C-alpha atoms as a PDB file:
ATOM      1  CA  UNK A   1      78.096  59.862  79.944  1.00  0.00           C
ATOM      2  CA  UNK A   2      75.149  58.663  79.149  1.00  0.00           C
ATOM      3  CA  UNK A   3      72.158  61.003  78.449  1.00  0.00           C
ATOM      4  CA  UNK A   4      70.846  61.922  82.039  1.00  0.00           C
ATOM      5  CA  UNK A   5      73.836  62.021  83.339  1.00  0.00           C
ATOM      6  CA  UNK A   6      75.866  64.851  85.493  1.00  0.00           C
ATOM      7  CA  UNK A   7      79.404  64.737  86.244  1.00  0.00           C
ATOM      8  CA  UNK A   8      81.100  67.059  89.447  1.00  0.00           C
ATOM      9  CA  UNK A   9      84.657  66.105  90.797  1.00  0.00           C
ATOM     10  CA  UNK A  10      83.797  64.336  93.893  1.00  0.00           C
ATOM     11  CA  UNK A  11      86.981  66.201  96.618  1.00  0.00           C
ATOM     12  CA  UNK A  12      85.733  69.801  95.734  1.00  0.00           C
ATOM     13  CA  UNK A  13      83.662  70.247  99.668  1.00  0.00           C
ATOM     14  CA  UNK A  14      83.400  73.133 101.390  1.00  0.00           C
ATOM     15  CA  UNK A  15      87.071  74.610 101.122  1.00  0.00           C
ATOM     16  CA  UNK A  16      86.830  74.802  97.373  1.00  0.00           C
ATOM     17  CA  UNK A  17      83.078  75.674  96.418  1.00  0.00           C
ATOM     18  CA  UNK A  18      80.362  76.988  98.504  1.00  0.00           C
ATOM     19  CA  UNK A  19      77.302  79.604  98.584  1.00  0.00           C
ATOM     20  CA  UNK A  20      73.814  79.782  99.261  1.00  0.00           C
ATOM     21  CA  UNK A  21      70.877  78.015  99.233  1.00  0.00           C
ATOM     22  CA  UNK A  22      67.708  79.784  98.093  1.00  0.00           C
ATOM     23  CA  UNK A  23      66.991  80.743 101.607  1.00  0.00           C
ATOM     24  CA  UNK A  24      70.269  82.277 102.191  1.00  0.00           C
ATOM     25  CA  UNK A  25      71.742  79.175 104.213  1.00  0.00           C
ATOM     26  CA  UNK A  26      75.189  78.429 103.684  1.00  0.00           C
ATOM     27  CA  UNK A  27      75.818  75.426 101.580  1.00  0.00           C
ATOM     28  CA  UNK A  28      78.558  72.516 101.682  1.00  0.00           C
ATOM     29  CA  UNK A  29      79.745  71.827  98.309  1.00  0.00           C
ATOM     30  CA  UNK A  30      79.802  68.968  96.394  1.00  0.00           C
ATOM     31  CA  UNK A  31      79.613  66.637  99.507  1.00  0.00           C
ATOM     32  CA  UNK A  32      76.076  68.095 100.182  1.00  0.00           C
ATOM     33  CA  UNK A  33      75.362  66.175  97.130  1.00  0.00           C
ATOM     34  CA  UNK A  34      76.049  62.672  98.067  1.00  0.00           C
ATOM     35  CA  UNK A  35      74.765  60.115 100.471  1.00  0.00           C
ATOM     36  CA  UNK A  36      75.038  60.325 103.994  1.00  0.00           C
ATOM     37  CA  UNK A  37      76.404  57.186 105.464  1.00  0.00           C
ATOM     38  CA  UNK A  38      80.038  57.326 105.263  1.00  0.00           C
ATOM     39  CA  UNK A  39      83.127  54.565 106.078  1.00  0.00           C
ATOM     40  CA  UNK A  40      83.639  55.819 109.658  1.00  0.00           C
ATOM     41  CA  UNK A  41      87.774  55.150 109.361  1.00  0.00           C
ATOM     42  CA  UNK A  42      88.175  56.594 106.020  1.00  0.00           C
ATOM     43  CA  UNK A  43      85.250  59.373 105.811  1.00  0.00           C
ATOM     44  CA  UNK A  44      84.870  58.005 102.574  1.00  0.00           C
ATOM     45  CA  UNK A  45      81.206  58.095 101.405  1.00  0.00           C
ATOM     46  CA  UNK A  46      79.047  54.574 100.712  1.00  0.00           C
ATOM     47  CA  UNK A  47      78.411  56.013  97.551  1.00  0.00           C
ATOM     48  CA  UNK A  48      79.768  58.240  94.925  1.00  0.00           C
ATOM     49  CA  UNK A  49      76.675  59.005  92.831  1.00  0.00           C
ATOM     50  CA  UNK A  50      73.528  60.363  93.851  1.00  0.00           C
ATOM     51  CA  UNK A  51      70.102  61.661  92.261  1.00  0.00           C
ATOM     52  CA  UNK A  52      70.138  65.157  91.474  1.00  0.00           C
ATOM     53  CA  UNK A  53      67.764  67.669  89.618  1.00  0.00           C
ATOM     54  CA  UNK A  54      69.649  70.748  87.561  1.00  0.00           C
ATOM     55  CA  UNK A  55      68.113  73.890  86.307  1.00  0.00           C
ATOM     56  CA  UNK A  56      70.082  76.672  85.137  1.00  0.00           C
ATOM     57  CA  UNK A  57      71.324  79.316  88.396  1.00  0.00           C
ATOM     58  CA  UNK A  58      70.149  83.147  87.423  1.00  0.00           C
ATOM     59  CA  UNK A  59      73.790  84.713  89.021  1.00  0.00           C
ATOM     60  CA  UNK A  60      74.332  87.633  86.644  1.00  0.00           C
ATOM     61  CA  UNK A  61      76.834  89.226  88.544  1.00  0.00           C
ATOM     62  CA  UNK A  62      79.953  87.745  88.892  1.00  0.00           C
ATOM     63  CA  UNK A  63      83.480  88.482  90.082  1.00  0.00           C
ATOM     64  CA  UNK A  64      86.794  86.790  89.256  1.00  0.00           C
ATOM     65  CA  UNK A  65      90.221  87.596  91.731  1.00  0.00           C
ATOM     66  CA  UNK A  66      93.584  86.042  91.033  1.00  0.00           C
ATOM     67  CA  UNK A  67      96.982  86.916  92.340  1.00  0.00           C
ATOM     68  CA  UNK A  68     100.532  85.058  92.516  1.00  0.00           C
ATOM     69  CA  UNK A  69     101.291  85.154  96.442  1.00  0.00           C
ATOM     70  CA  UNK A  70     104.426  84.197  98.245  1.00  0.00           C
ATOM     71  CA  UNK A  71     103.532  80.646  99.847  1.00  0.00           C
ATOM     72  CA  UNK A  72     103.665  81.601 103.131  1.00  0.00           C
ATOM     73  CA  UNK A  73     100.710  84.242 102.463  1.00  0.00           C
ATOM     74  CA  UNK A  74      98.766  81.734 100.190  1.00  0.00           C
ATOM     75  CA  UNK A  75      97.239  79.147 102.491  1.00  0.00           C
ATOM     76  CA  UNK A  76      96.057  82.048 104.861  1.00  0.00           C
ATOM     77  CA  UNK A  77      94.813  84.235 102.403  1.00  0.00           C
ATOM     78  CA  UNK A  78      92.643  81.142 101.090  1.00  0.00           C
ATOM     79  CA  UNK A  79      91.758  80.399 104.792  1.00  0.00           C
ATOM     80  CA  UNK A  80      90.505  84.035 105.053  1.00  0.00           C
ATOM     81  CA  UNK A  81      88.254  83.852 101.877  1.00  0.00           C
ATOM     82  CA  UNK A  82      86.930  80.622 102.774  1.00  0.00           C
ATOM     83  CA  UNK A  83      84.994  82.623 105.499  1.00  0.00           C
ATOM     84  CA  UNK A  84      83.874  84.913 102.819  1.00  0.00           C
ATOM     85  CA  UNK A  85      82.413  82.276 100.892  1.00  0.00           C
ATOM     86  CA  UNK A  86      78.991  81.860 102.063  1.00  0.00           C
ATOM     87  CA  UNK A  87      78.374  85.883 101.432  1.00  0.00           C
ATOM     88  CA  UNK A  88      77.292  85.025  97.828  1.00  0.00           C
ATOM     89  CA  UNK A  89      74.971  82.421  96.156  1.00  0.00           C
ATOM     90  CA  UNK A  90      77.980  81.088  94.125  1.00  0.00           C
ATOM     91  CA  UNK A  91      81.647  81.110  95.276  1.00  0.00           C
ATOM     92  CA  UNK A  92      85.180  79.200  94.809  1.00  0.00           C
ATOM     93  CA  UNK A  93      88.600  78.996  95.953  1.00  0.00           C
ATOM     94  CA  UNK A  94      91.177  77.047  94.629  1.00  0.00           C
ATOM     95  CA  UNK A  95      94.809  76.935  94.311  1.00  0.00           C
ATOM     96  CA  UNK A  96      97.217  77.027  90.796  1.00  0.00           C
ATOM     97  CA  UNK A  97     100.518  76.965  89.561  1.00  0.00           C
ATOM     98  CA  UNK A  98     103.385  74.570  89.417  1.00  0.00           C
ATOM     99  CA  UNK A  99     105.420  73.287  92.378  1.00  0.00           C
ATOM    100  CA  UNK A 100     107.879  74.691  93.125  1.00  0.00           C
ATOM    101  CA  UNK A 101     107.638  77.621  92.123  1.00  0.00           C
ATOM    102  CA  UNK A 102     110.861  79.391  91.085  1.00  0.00           C
ATOM    103  CA  UNK A 103     110.119  82.496  92.703  1.00  0.00           C
ATOM    104  CA  UNK A 104     108.332  80.653  95.608  1.00  0.00           C
ATOM    105  CA  UNK A 105     104.891  81.838  94.701  1.00  0.00           C
ATOM    106  CA  UNK A 106     101.410  79.782  95.226  1.00  0.00           C
ATOM    107  CA  UNK A 107      98.223  80.907  92.696  1.00  0.00           C
ATOM    108  CA  UNK A 108      95.299  81.760  94.161  1.00  0.00           C
ATOM    109  CA  UNK A 109      91.659  82.189  92.304  1.00  0.00           C
ATOM    110  CA  UNK A 110      88.536  83.263  93.814  1.00  0.00           C
ATOM    111  CA  UNK A 111      85.785  83.444  91.578  1.00  0.00           C
ATOM    112  CA  UNK A 112      81.890  84.160  93.112  1.00  0.00           C
ATOM    113  CA  UNK A 113      78.923  85.097  91.079  1.00  0.00           C
ATOM    114  CA  UNK A 114      74.900  86.808  92.711  1.00  0.00           C
ATOM    115  CA  UNK A 115      71.946  87.976  91.430  1.00  0.00           C
ATOM    116  CA  UNK A 116      73.181  91.800  92.573  1.00  0.00           C
ATOM    117  CA  UNK A 117      76.617  93.494  92.876  1.00  0.00           C
ATOM    118  CA  UNK A 118      78.210  92.868  96.035  1.00  0.00           C
ATOM    119  CA  UNK A 119      78.743  95.154  98.631  1.00  0.00           C
ATOM    120  CA  UNK A 120      81.667  97.602  98.252  1.00  0.00           C
ATOM    121  CA  UNK A 121      83.285  96.297 101.408  1.00  0.00           C
ATOM    122  CA  UNK A 122      83.370  92.887 100.373  1.00  0.00           C
ATOM    123  CA  UNK A 123      85.034  93.698  97.427  1.00  0.00           C
ATOM    124  CA  UNK A 124      87.764  95.903  99.083  1.00  0.00           C
ATOM    125  CA  UNK A 125      87.969  92.555 101.608  1.00  0.00           C
ATOM    126  CA  UNK A 126      88.727  90.011  98.575  1.00  0.00           C
ATOM    127  CA  UNK A 127      91.301  92.355  97.478  1.00  0.00           C
ATOM    128  CA  UNK A 128      92.839  93.217 100.720  1.00  0.00           C
ATOM    129  CA  UNK A 129      93.388  89.535 101.026  1.00  0.00           C
ATOM    130  CA  UNK A 130      94.914  89.158  97.531  1.00  0.00           C
ATOM    131  CA  UNK A 131      96.957  91.954  97.372  1.00  0.00           C
ATOM    132  CA  UNK A 132      94.632  94.283  95.314  1.00  0.00           C
ATOM    133  CA  UNK A 133      94.384  97.035  97.574  1.00  0.00           C
ATOM    134  CA  UNK A 134      97.452  99.182  97.535  1.00  0.00           C
ATOM    135  CA  UNK A 135      97.697 102.442  95.739  1.00  0.00           C
ATOM    136  CA  UNK A 136     100.079 101.691  92.589  1.00  0.00           C
ATOM    137  CA  UNK A 137      97.523  99.429  90.997  1.00  0.00           C
ATOM    138  CA  UNK A 138      95.349 100.526  87.857  1.00  0.00           C
ATOM    139  CA  UNK A 139      91.987 100.519  88.302  1.00  0.00           C
ATOM    140  CA  UNK A 140      88.604 101.105  87.161  1.00  0.00           C
ATOM    141  CA  UNK A 141      85.111 101.795  88.633  1.00  0.00           C
ATOM    142  CA  UNK A 142      81.610 102.134  87.505  1.00  0.00           C
ATOM    143  CA  UNK A 143      79.532 102.088  90.160  1.00  0.00           C
ATOM    144  CA  UNK A 144      75.923 101.959  88.209  1.00  0.00           C
ATOM    145  CA  UNK A 145      76.907  99.004  85.999  1.00  0.00           C
ATOM    146  CA  UNK A 146      78.896  96.989  89.522  1.00  0.00           C
ATOM    147  CA  UNK A 147      81.631  97.196  86.947  1.00  0.00           C
ATOM    148  CA  UNK A 148      85.325  97.000  89.020  1.00  0.00           C
ATOM    149  CA  UNK A 149      88.323  96.169  87.559  1.00  0.00           C
ATOM    150  CA  UNK A 150      91.951  96.446  88.847  1.00  0.00           C
ATOM    151  CA  UNK A 151      95.349  95.365  87.764  1.00  0.00           C
ATOM    152  CA  UNK A 152      98.537  94.828  89.609  1.00  0.00           C
ATOM    153  CA  UNK A 153     101.912  94.539  87.753  1.00  0.00           C
ATOM    154  CA  UNK A 154     105.310  93.733  88.722  1.00  0.00           C
ATOM    155  CA  UNK A 155     108.495  94.851  86.745  1.00  0.00           C
ATOM    156  CA  UNK A 156     110.491  92.075  86.126  1.00  0.00           C
ATOM    157  CA  UNK A 157     114.119  91.832  84.099  1.00  0.00           C
ATOM    158  CA  UNK A 158     112.146  90.576  81.467  1.00  0.00           C
ATOM    159  CA  UNK A 159     109.683  93.546  81.865  1.00  0.00           C
ATOM    160  CA  UNK A 160     106.083  94.048  83.435  1.00  0.00           C
ATOM    161  CA  UNK A 161     104.404  91.075  84.176  1.00  0.00           C
ATOM    162  CA  UNK A 162     100.718  91.163  85.187  1.00  0.00           C
ATOM    163  CA  UNK A 163     100.675  89.089  88.917  1.00  0.00           C
ATOM    164  CA  UNK A 164      96.913  90.238  89.989  1.00  0.00           C
ATOM    165  CA  UNK A 165      94.034  91.246  89.127  1.00  0.00           C
ATOM    166  CA  UNK A 166      90.219  91.579  89.810  1.00  0.00           C
ATOM    167  CA  UNK A 167      87.216  91.576  87.710  1.00  0.00           C
ATOM    168  CA  UNK A 168      83.354  92.199  88.709  1.00  0.00           C
ATOM    169  CA  UNK A 169      80.229  92.408  87.019  1.00  0.00           C
ATOM    170  CA  UNK A 170      81.673  91.484  83.147  1.00  0.00           C
ATOM    171  CA  UNK A 171      84.702  89.416  83.441  1.00  0.00           C
ATOM    172  CA  UNK A 172      84.636  87.870  80.099  1.00  0.00           C
ATOM    173  CA  UNK A 173      87.960  89.438  79.446  1.00  0.00           C
ATOM    174  CA  UNK A 174      89.002  86.455  82.172  1.00  0.00           C
ATOM    175  CA  UNK A 175      89.494  84.688  78.029  1.00  0.00           C
ATOM    176  CA  UNK A 176      92.465  87.112  77.744  1.00  0.00           C
ATOM    177  CA  UNK A 177      93.537  88.283  80.821  1.00  0.00           C
ATOM    178  CA  UNK A 178      93.880  85.462  82.713  1.00  0.00           C
ATOM    179  CA  UNK A 179      96.481  83.820  80.266  1.00  0.00           C
ATOM    180  CA  UNK A 180      98.355  86.669  80.872  1.00  0.00           C
ATOM    181  CA  UNK A 181      98.768  86.274  84.735  1.00  0.00           C
ATOM    182  CA  UNK A 182      98.922  82.525  84.842  1.00  0.00           C
ATOM    183  CA  UNK A 183     101.290  82.044  82.088  1.00  0.00           C
ATOM    184  CA  UNK A 184     103.368  85.473  82.854  1.00  0.00           C
ATOM    185  CA  UNK A 185     103.952  86.443  79.688  1.00  0.00           C
ATOM    186  CA  UNK A 186     105.072  90.488  79.296  1.00  0.00           C
ATOM    187  CA  UNK A 187     102.447  92.384  80.121  1.00  0.00           C
ATOM    188  CA  UNK A 188     104.902  95.724  78.466  1.00  0.00           C
ATOM    189  CA  UNK A 189     102.314  96.108  75.284  1.00  0.00           C
ATOM    190  CA  UNK A 190      99.202  96.226  77.288  1.00  0.00           C
ATOM    191  CA  UNK A 191      98.908  99.086  79.570  1.00  0.00           C
ATOM    192  CA  UNK A 192      95.714 100.979  80.512  1.00  0.00           C
ATOM    193  CA  UNK A 193      94.155  98.761  77.968  1.00  0.00           C
ATOM    194  CA  UNK A 194      94.263  95.799  80.914  1.00  0.00           C
ATOM    195  CA  UNK A 195      91.394  97.855  81.970  1.00  0.00           C
ATOM    196  CA  UNK A 196      89.371  96.967  78.409  1.00  0.00           C
ATOM    197  CA  UNK A 197      86.538  95.042  78.684  1.00  0.00           C
ATOM    198  CA  UNK A 198      85.596  92.129  76.283  1.00  0.00           C
ATOM    199  CA  UNK A 199      86.529  88.367  75.460  1.00  0.00           C
ATOM    200  CA  UNK A 200      88.948  90.016  72.632  1.00  0.00           C
ATOM    201  CA  UNK A 201      92.337  90.719  73.897  1.00  0.00           C
ATOM    202  CA  UNK A 202      93.027  94.729  72.447  1.00  0.00           C
ATOM    203  CA  UNK A 203      96.601  93.474  71.966  1.00  0.00           C
ATOM    204  CA  UNK A 204      97.284  90.339  69.651  1.00  0.00           C
ATOM    205  CA  UNK A 205      99.533  87.804  71.492  1.00  0.00           C
ATOM    206  CA  UNK A 206     101.112  84.758  70.156  1.00  0.00           C
ATOM    207  CA  UNK A 207      99.637  81.785  72.037  1.00  0.00           C
ATOM    208  CA  UNK A 208     101.686  79.894  74.291  1.00  0.00           C
ATOM    209  CA  UNK A 209     100.768  76.520  72.443  1.00  0.00           C
ATOM    210  CA  UNK A 210      99.699  73.596  73.756  1.00  0.00           C
ATOM    211  CA  UNK A 211     101.312  71.380  76.522  1.00  0.00           C
ATOM    212  CA  UNK A 212     103.295  68.462  76.560  1.00  0.00           C
ATOM    213  CA  UNK A 213     105.275  68.208  79.816  1.00  0.00           C
ATOM    214  CA  UNK A 214     102.737  68.398  82.550  1.00  0.00           C
ATOM    215  CA  UNK A 215     105.364  68.251  85.557  1.00  0.00           C
ATOM    216  CA  UNK A 216     107.269  71.461  84.231  1.00  0.00           C
ATOM    217  CA  UNK A 217     104.772  73.289  82.534  1.00  0.00           C
ATOM    218  CA  UNK A 218     106.802  72.941  78.666  1.00  0.00           C
ATOM    219  CA  UNK A 219     104.818  73.841  75.628  1.00  0.00           C
ATOM    220  CA  UNK A 220     105.078  72.121  72.272  1.00  0.00           C
ATOM    221  CA  UNK A 221     106.227  75.929  71.208  1.00  0.00           C
ATOM    222  CA  UNK A 222     109.089  76.077  73.510  1.00  0.00           C
ATOM    223  CA  UNK A 223     110.342  72.648  72.243  1.00  0.00           C
ATOM    224  CA  UNK A 224     110.305  72.983  68.380  1.00  0.00           C
ATOM    225  CA  UNK A 225     112.164  76.258  69.276  1.00  0.00           C
ATOM    226  CA  UNK A 226     114.530  74.570  71.539  1.00  0.00           C
ATOM    227  CA  UNK A 227     114.920  71.430  68.790  1.00  0.00           C
ATOM    228  CA  UNK A 228     116.217  73.765  65.950  1.00  0.00           C
ATOM    229  CA  UNK A 229     119.180  74.097  68.202  1.00  0.00           C
ATOM    230  CA  UNK A 230     119.585  70.342  68.737  1.00  0.00           C
ATOM    231  CA  UNK A 231     122.400  68.467  66.915  1.00  0.00           C
ATOM    232  CA  UNK A 232     122.884  64.438  66.694  1.00  0.00           C
ATOM    233  CA  UNK A 233     120.526  61.087  66.301  1.00  0.00           C
ATOM    234  CA  UNK A 234     117.080  61.041  67.751  1.00  0.00           C
ATOM    235  CA  UNK A 235     118.752  59.900  71.491  1.00  0.00           C
ATOM    236  CA  UNK A 236     121.249  62.626  71.589  1.00  0.00           C
ATOM    237  CA  UNK A 237     119.140  65.278  70.143  1.00  0.00           C
ATOM    238  CA  UNK A 238     116.436  64.065  72.937  1.00  0.00           C
ATOM    239  CA  UNK A 239     119.186  64.673  75.548  1.00  0.00           C
ATOM    240  CA  UNK A 240     119.836  68.146  74.693  1.00  0.00           C
ATOM    241  CA  UNK A 241     116.100  68.818  74.735  1.00  0.00           C
ATOM    242  CA  UNK A 242     115.573  67.270  78.133  1.00  0.00           C
ATOM    243  CA  UNK A 243     118.698  69.347  79.902  1.00  0.00           C
ATOM    244  CA  UNK A 244     117.475  72.763  78.087  1.00  0.00           C
ATOM    245  CA  UNK A 245     114.093  72.796  79.554  1.00  0.00           C
ATOM    246  CA  UNK A 246     113.596  69.577  81.885  1.00  0.00           C
ATOM    247  CA  UNK A 247     110.863  67.903  80.245  1.00  0.00           C
ATOM    248  CA  UNK A 248     110.035  64.216  80.575  1.00  0.00           C
ATOM    249  CA  UNK A 249     112.976  64.294  83.038  1.00  0.00           C
ATOM    250  CA  UNK A 250     110.269  63.894  86.033  1.00  0.00           C
ATOM    251  CA  UNK A 251     107.300  61.511  85.561  1.00  0.00           C
ATOM    252  CA  UNK A 252     108.412  60.314  82.175  1.00  0.00           C
ATOM    253  CA  UNK A 253     105.087  59.821  80.427  1.00  0.00           C
ATOM    254  CA  UNK A 254     105.795  62.776  78.130  1.00  0.00           C
ATOM    255  CA  UNK A 255     108.776  61.179  76.521  1.00  0.00           C
ATOM    256  CA  UNK A 256     106.957  59.906  74.101  1.00  0.00           C
ATOM    257  CA  UNK A 257     105.369  62.560  72.937  1.00  0.00           C
ATOM    258  CA  UNK A 258     108.782  64.254  72.592  1.00  0.00           C
ATOM    259  CA  UNK A 259     110.693  61.685  70.397  1.00  0.00           C
ATOM    260  CA  UNK A 260     107.711  61.979  68.177  1.00  0.00           C
ATOM    261  CA  UNK A 261     108.577  65.939  68.211  1.00  0.00           C
ATOM    262  CA  UNK A 262     111.895  65.331  67.387  1.00  0.00           C
ATOM    263  CA  UNK A 263     111.396  62.937  64.659  1.00  0.00           C
ATOM    264  CA  UNK A 264     108.998  65.771  62.906  1.00  0.00           C
ATOM    265  CA  UNK A 265     111.235  68.895  63.686  1.00  0.00           C
ATOM    266  CA  UNK A 266     114.494  68.010  61.997  1.00  0.00           C
ATOM    267  CA  UNK A 267     117.672  69.677  63.289  1.00  0.00           C
ATOM    268  CA  UNK A 268     118.812  72.393  61.462  1.00  0.00           C
ATOM    269  CA  UNK A 269     122.012  72.346  59.587  1.00  0.00           C
ATOM    270  CA  UNK A 270     124.685  74.706  61.422  1.00  0.00           C
ATOM    271  CA  UNK A 271     126.006  77.669  58.803  1.00  0.00           C
ATOM    272  CA  UNK A 272     129.742  77.054  57.439  1.00  0.00           C
END
């Protein structure tokens, strides 16, 4: 972008991002920045650019709540969370995850910021909507500093997995906690360390690796590991790789990258 320009995604209306103005009025999301003239049929604005004035928002208190929910509950939770967004100076509520999820889950991410800590009642309402209000959660509370953390774990055949959490006040731990949930990584080694503050993870974790296949969320690390057991020429190994991980079997846009990885990582000769 040229100097003096700013960019913001167009389709973030009041359903996904909102908050309060300086006088406490509810805001309309990005649509409030566009010119009012629009097409009567498509509802597209006449112009998708506008002059803006940008200043830093002094909103030191933060909230982040993230959870996997059954598909049948996720939309209802988002609709209910939307009604709470105007209670903050800034708030956003967006879905995440792959469709379809093998367990029929949909991710919901709620983020908010304000000058002062939110009331405990409001925090409890958000927790309840995301299933973070049970008695079997790990919790930490420091009311004097506006700090609160809650972690919900699920026991699976592969070990403990984090499937919901809330951070308020200092949310810098998002740097390692959010990937732990979104990538559905094992959480057995963390224990109560999940309640630790700060951006540095308390337990060393192996990075998932760069995403190669967007459709099926397949990382370069997983591809290289699988290629060790793929035999034959380039086409044969690519076919075996696709059969094992499904990468490149949907839109096909990652096939050139897959072929390059097949070439860069030759087959390992089987032991005689």
